[in-house]
Amino acid sequence: MQVSKTNALRLLETRNIGYEVLLYDNEDGQVHGTAVAEKVGRPAEQVFKTLVAHSGNNLYVFVIPVGEELDLKKAAKAAGEKKVEMLPMKELLKWTGYVRGGCSPVGMKKLYPTFIHEDAVLLPLMAVSAGKIGMQMELAPEPLAEITGAQFVDLIKE
């Protein structure tokens, strides 16, 4: 099957970062993370969702396991802000170039400060959106952090 290249995949290739594309059927419209993990045949702890939050005009990207919930207090602390709020869904495309369910931490319109939940470093591979619904990319956590300038920090609710 021919895979159309997304910005995220092109960026990985320009940096010679190895990845595997994981395609899944989205006819049922299920774009929530645990359904995606099931569809690509990976444990939920290994599949990560990309969330975008803001504090005033500053945007931040948080990458956490699909079955977990972002702790906004931990997110704010990681970002060096008093408080962060989730970016309204209707603004996601405008700021990132991506839609809900297809938001990749790689290849956004701008490189925003990015944070990956610390458990990712324990994994040999992790999957994140490749930039469109129905496509994930699986790669090692360190190269993902490198290409996004991310830090590994504790981000999820206990």
C-alpha atoms as a PDB file:
ATOM      1  CA  MET A   1       0.000   0.000   0.000  1.00  0.00           C
ATOM      2  CA  GLN A   2       1.361   3.402  -0.969  1.00  0.00           C
ATOM      3  CA  VAL A   3       1.759   5.683   2.041  1.00  0.00           C
ATOM      4  CA  SER A   4       1.384   9.383   1.341  1.00  0.00           C
ATOM      5  CA  LYS A   5       4.092  11.308   3.133  1.00  0.00           C
ATOM      6  CA  THR A   6       3.040  13.808   5.770  1.00  0.00           C
ATOM      7  CA  ASN A   7       5.137  16.749   6.992  1.00  0.00           C
ATOM      8  CA  ALA A   8       6.024  14.697  10.066  1.00  0.00           C
ATOM      9  CA  LEU A   9       7.340  11.754   8.010  1.00  0.00           C
ATOM     10  CA  ARG A  10       9.275  14.052   5.653  1.00  0.00           C
ATOM     11  CA  LEU A  11      10.952  15.750   8.631  1.00  0.00           C
ATOM     12  CA  LEU A  12      11.979  12.396  10.123  1.00  0.00           C
ATOM     13  CA  GLU A  13      13.477  11.392   6.776  1.00  0.00           C
ATOM     14  CA  THR A  14      15.450  14.636   6.381  1.00  0.00           C
ATOM     15  CA  ARG A  15      17.004  13.910   9.796  1.00  0.00           C
ATOM     16  CA  ASN A  16      17.583  10.215   8.978  1.00  0.00           C
ATOM     17  CA  ILE A  17      15.401   9.132  11.885  1.00  0.00           C
ATOM     18  CA  GLY A  18      14.101   5.596  11.523  1.00  0.00           C
ATOM     19  CA  TYR A  19      10.374   5.004  11.869  1.00  0.00           C
ATOM     20  CA  GLU A  20       7.652   2.571  10.913  1.00  0.00           C
ATOM     21  CA  VAL A  21       4.249   3.698   9.643  1.00  0.00           C
ATOM     22  CA  LEU A  22       1.262   2.068  11.339  1.00  0.00           C
ATOM     23  CA  LEU A  23      -1.948   2.485   9.334  1.00  0.00           C
ATOM     24  CA  TYR A  24      -5.400   1.904  10.747  1.00  0.00           C
ATOM     25  CA  ASP A  25      -8.954   1.934   9.458  1.00  0.00           C
ATOM     26  CA  ASN A  26     -10.932   4.909  10.694  1.00  0.00           C
ATOM     27  CA  GLU A  27     -14.295   4.195   9.073  1.00  0.00           C
ATOM     28  CA  ASP A  28     -15.927   4.044  12.523  1.00  0.00           C
ATOM     29  CA  GLY A  29     -14.676   7.555  13.374  1.00  0.00           C
ATOM     30  CA  GLN A  30     -12.967   6.381  16.566  1.00  0.00           C
ATOM     31  CA  VAL A  31      -9.971   8.684  16.978  1.00  0.00           C
ATOM     32  CA  HIS A  32      -9.622   8.422  20.738  1.00  0.00           C
ATOM     33  CA  GLY A  33      -6.290   6.996  21.754  1.00  0.00           C
ATOM     34  CA  THR A  34      -7.164   3.644  23.251  1.00  0.00           C
ATOM     35  CA  ALA A  35      -9.175   2.743  20.131  1.00  0.00           C
ATOM     36  CA  VAL A  36      -6.198   3.771  17.972  1.00  0.00           C
ATOM     37  CA  ALA A  37      -3.810   1.654  20.107  1.00  0.00           C
ATOM     38  CA  GLU A  38      -6.080  -1.336  19.603  1.00  0.00           C
ATOM     39  CA  LYS A  39      -6.324  -0.713  15.851  1.00  0.00           C
ATOM     40  CA  VAL A  40      -2.532  -0.548  15.392  1.00  0.00           C
ATOM     41  CA  GLY A  41      -2.007  -3.574  17.644  1.00  0.00           C
ATOM     42  CA  ARG A  42       0.137  -1.846  20.253  1.00  0.00           C
ATOM     43  CA  PRO A  43      -0.345  -1.630  24.039  1.00  0.00           C
ATOM     44  CA  ALA A  44      -1.895   1.666  25.176  1.00  0.00           C
ATOM     45  CA  GLU A  45       1.261   2.437  27.213  1.00  0.00           C
ATOM     46  CA  GLN A  46       3.230   2.528  23.957  1.00  0.00           C
ATOM     47  CA  VAL A  47       0.858   4.760  21.973  1.00  0.00           C
ATOM     48  CA  PHE A  48       0.954   8.473  22.780  1.00  0.00           C
ATOM     49  CA  LYS A  49      -1.432  11.344  22.075  1.00  0.00           C
ATOM     50  CA  THR A  50      -0.377  14.907  21.316  1.00  0.00           C
ATOM     51  CA  LEU A  51      -2.138  17.618  23.299  1.00  0.00           C
ATOM     52  CA  VAL A  52      -1.741  21.355  22.800  1.00  0.00           C
ATOM     53  CA  ALA A  53      -2.232  23.802  25.662  1.00  0.00           C
ATOM     54  CA  HIS A  54      -1.664  27.513  26.043  1.00  0.00           C
ATOM     55  CA  SER A  55      -0.954  30.192  28.586  1.00  0.00           C
ATOM     56  CA  GLY A  56      -1.893  33.541  27.098  1.00  0.00           C
ATOM     57  CA  ASN A  57      -0.226  33.620  23.660  1.00  0.00           C
ATOM     58  CA  ASN A  58       2.294  30.879  24.484  1.00  0.00           C
ATOM     59  CA  LEU A  59       1.566  27.403  23.112  1.00  0.00           C
ATOM     60  CA  TYR A  60       2.931  24.161  24.533  1.00  0.00           C
ATOM     61  CA  VAL A  61       2.825  20.579  23.266  1.00  0.00           C
ATOM     62  CA  PHE A  62       2.375  17.640  25.637  1.00  0.00           C
ATOM     63  CA  VAL A  63       2.816  14.018  24.539  1.00  0.00           C
ATOM     64  CA  ILE A  64       1.299  11.473  26.928  1.00  0.00           C
ATOM     65  CA  PRO A  65       0.147   7.825  26.825  1.00  0.00           C
ATOM     66  CA  VAL A  66      -3.309   7.510  25.209  1.00  0.00           C
ATOM     67  CA  GLY A  67      -4.921   5.968  28.274  1.00  0.00           C
ATOM     68  CA  GLU A  68      -3.789   8.749  30.597  1.00  0.00           C
ATOM     69  CA  GLU A  69      -4.996  12.256  31.427  1.00  0.00           C
ATOM     70  CA  LEU A  70      -2.813  15.353  31.301  1.00  0.00           C
ATOM     71  CA  ASP A  71      -2.278  16.948  34.719  1.00  0.00           C
ATOM     72  CA  LEU A  72      -2.570  20.659  33.919  1.00  0.00           C
ATOM     73  CA  LYS A  73      -0.668  21.642  37.090  1.00  0.00           C
ATOM     74  CA  LYS A  74       2.285  19.418  36.156  1.00  0.00           C
ATOM     75  CA  ALA A  75       2.058  20.693  32.563  1.00  0.00           C
ATOM     76  CA  ALA A  76       2.157  24.321  33.730  1.00  0.00           C
ATOM     77  CA  LYS A  77       5.134  23.604  35.986  1.00  0.00           C
ATOM     78  CA  ALA A  78       7.005  21.904  33.119  1.00  0.00           C
ATOM     79  CA  ALA A  79       6.274  24.900  30.867  1.00  0.00           C
ATOM     80  CA  GLY A  80       7.344  27.398  33.542  1.00  0.00           C
ATOM     81  CA  GLU A  81       3.859  28.930  33.675  1.00  0.00           C
ATOM     82  CA  LYS A  82       1.468  29.572  36.570  1.00  0.00           C
ATOM     83  CA  LYS A  83      -1.347  27.913  34.655  1.00  0.00           C
ATOM     84  CA  VAL A  84      -2.038  26.342  31.243  1.00  0.00           C
ATOM     85  CA  GLU A  85      -5.348  25.546  29.551  1.00  0.00           C
ATOM     86  CA  MET A  86      -6.114  23.202  26.693  1.00  0.00           C
ATOM     87  CA  LEU A  87      -6.164  24.945  23.319  1.00  0.00           C
ATOM     88  CA  PRO A  88      -9.773  25.104  22.057  1.00  0.00           C
ATOM     89  CA  MET A  89     -10.276  22.388  19.424  1.00  0.00           C
ATOM     90  CA  LYS A  90     -11.418  24.930  16.830  1.00  0.00           C
ATOM     91  CA  GLU A  91      -7.994  26.634  17.056  1.00  0.00           C
ATOM     92  CA  LEU A  92      -5.884  23.479  16.676  1.00  0.00           C
ATOM     93  CA  LEU A  93      -5.625  23.566  12.865  1.00  0.00           C
ATOM     94  CA  LYS A  94      -4.863  27.311  12.806  1.00  0.00           C
ATOM     95  CA  TRP A  95      -1.893  27.022  15.181  1.00  0.00           C
ATOM     96  CA  THR A  96      -0.509  23.550  14.426  1.00  0.00           C
ATOM     97  CA  GLY A  97      -1.602  22.696  10.883  1.00  0.00           C
ATOM     98  CA  TYR A  98      -3.145  19.490  12.242  1.00  0.00           C
ATOM     99  CA  VAL A  99      -6.670  18.315  13.102  1.00  0.00           C
ATOM    100  CA  ARG A 100      -7.918  16.484  16.199  1.00  0.00           C
ATOM    101  CA  GLY A 101      -6.979  12.823  15.937  1.00  0.00           C
ATOM    102  CA  GLY A 102      -4.183  13.598  13.474  1.00  0.00           C
ATOM    103  CA  CYS A 103      -2.046  15.987  15.509  1.00  0.00           C
ATOM    104  CA  SER A 104       1.627  15.000  15.436  1.00  0.00           C
ATOM    105  CA  PRO A 105       4.277  16.485  17.731  1.00  0.00           C
ATOM    106  CA  VAL A 106       6.514  16.596  14.626  1.00  0.00           C
ATOM    107  CA  GLY A 107       6.038  19.089  11.797  1.00  0.00           C
ATOM    108  CA  MET A 108       3.705  21.666  13.328  1.00  0.00           C
ATOM    109  CA  LYS A 109       3.568  25.133  11.774  1.00  0.00           C
ATOM    110  CA  LYS A 110       6.017  26.279  14.465  1.00  0.00           C
ATOM    111  CA  LEU A 111       8.257  24.406  16.861  1.00  0.00           C
ATOM    112  CA  TYR A 112       6.506  24.915  20.191  1.00  0.00           C
ATOM    113  CA  PRO A 113       8.041  23.940  23.541  1.00  0.00           C
ATOM    114  CA  THR A 114       7.353  20.212  23.768  1.00  0.00           C
ATOM    115  CA  PHE A 115       7.207  17.839  26.724  1.00  0.00           C
ATOM    116  CA  ILE A 116       6.955  14.043  26.613  1.00  0.00           C
ATOM    117  CA  HIS A 117       5.763  12.036  29.599  1.00  0.00           C
ATOM    118  CA  GLU A 118       8.820  10.599  31.348  1.00  0.00           C
ATOM    119  CA  ASP A 119       7.737   6.937  31.056  1.00  0.00           C
ATOM    120  CA  ALA A 120       8.455   7.121  27.309  1.00  0.00           C
ATOM    121  CA  VAL A 121      12.223   6.883  27.942  1.00  0.00           C
ATOM    122  CA  LEU A 122      11.704   3.354  29.264  1.00  0.00           C
ATOM    123  CA  LEU A 123      10.240   2.210  25.927  1.00  0.00           C
ATOM    124  CA  PRO A 124      12.262   0.892  22.975  1.00  0.00           C
ATOM    125  CA  LEU A 125       9.590   2.323  20.615  1.00  0.00           C
ATOM    126  CA  MET A 126       6.596   4.615  20.935  1.00  0.00           C
ATOM    127  CA  ALA A 127       3.834   5.505  18.485  1.00  0.00           C
ATOM    128  CA  VAL A 128       2.512   9.013  17.851  1.00  0.00           C
ATOM    129  CA  SER A 129       0.326  10.472  15.129  1.00  0.00           C
ATOM    130  CA  ALA A 130       2.080  10.791  11.786  1.00  0.00           C
ATOM    131  CA  GLY A 131       0.064  13.910  11.005  1.00  0.00           C
ATOM    132  CA  LYS A 132      -3.206  12.554   9.705  1.00  0.00           C
ATOM    133  CA  ILE A 133      -6.063  10.439  10.959  1.00  0.00           C
ATOM    134  CA  GLY A 134      -5.487   6.759  10.159  1.00  0.00           C
ATOM    135  CA  MET A 135      -1.697   6.953  10.379  1.00  0.00           C
ATOM    136  CA  GLN A 136       0.694   6.571  13.294  1.00  0.00           C
ATOM    137  CA  MET A 137       4.484   6.553  13.243  1.00  0.00           C
ATOM    138  CA  GLU A 138       6.488   4.338  15.553  1.00  0.00           C
ATOM    139  CA  LEU A 139       9.973   5.436  16.552  1.00  0.00           C
ATOM    140  CA  ALA A 140      12.398   5.499  19.459  1.00  0.00           C
ATOM    141  CA  PRO A 141      11.650   8.126  22.148  1.00  0.00           C
ATOM    142  CA  GLU A 142      15.067   9.864  22.074  1.00  0.00           C
ATOM    143  CA  PRO A 143      15.000  10.834  18.369  1.00  0.00           C
ATOM    144  CA  LEU A 144      11.419  12.084  18.836  1.00  0.00           C
ATOM    145  CA  ALA A 145      12.576  14.274  21.718  1.00  0.00           C
ATOM    146  CA  GLU A 146      15.538  15.458  19.670  1.00  0.00           C
ATOM    147  CA  ILE A 147      13.541  16.505  16.580  1.00  0.00           C
ATOM    148  CA  THR A 148      10.894  18.301  18.702  1.00  0.00           C
ATOM    149  CA  GLY A 149      13.324  19.754  21.257  1.00  0.00           C
ATOM    150  CA  ALA A 150      11.298  17.972  23.927  1.00  0.00           C
ATOM    151  CA  GLN A 151      12.053  17.309  27.571  1.00  0.00           C
ATOM    152  CA  PHE A 152      10.937  14.148  29.380  1.00  0.00           C
ATOM    153  CA  VAL A 153       8.892  15.120  32.465  1.00  0.00           C
ATOM    154  CA  ASP A 154       6.079  13.778  34.640  1.00  0.00           C
ATOM    155  CA  LEU A 155       2.838  14.985  33.029  1.00  0.00           C
ATOM    156  CA  ILE A 156       0.000  12.617  33.916  1.00  0.00           C
ATOM    157  CA  LYS A 157      -2.572  12.550  36.686  1.00  0.00           C
ATOM    158  CA  GLU A 158      -1.849  10.023  39.407  1.00  0.00           C
END
